[in-house]
């Protein structure tokens, strides 16, 4: 089982407050976000990509660019897109963020969950490297 502890939820799960303490567990079938109010599960086959972004990267990107990049470059597990607004919403001690991109269970809409990693990203990067190895590397065709 793959685990990442002591991270903060920033956005993406409406039931969780910003900066809620969380942990992540990944088994062969799903990723589980563990919080004080309960667990949130995402099947691994619905995860499109995951990666680490710096606060600076988040501050300089545009959310519309992010949406387009998800459909394009990220489907093949390429570079992460951008998320705007997060830099303004969080405290300065979040220099790195873990971003998980997934398809909504009901609508197939692309969504993201963002976690604050604090000042260092090495544990988060190790987690991402192991997680992305478990994800399917199949190429897909998407009509725009």
Foldseek 3Di string as FASTA:
>chain_A
DFKDAFWAWQDFDVVDDGGFGWMWDDDLFWIWIQGPVGIDIDTLQFWQAKDKDFLVQQAPADQVQQQVCCVPVRNLPHDHTYHYDSSVRDDPQQGMKMKIWGQDPPPRRITIIIIGDGNDCPSVHVSRVVSVVSHDNDDDDDDD
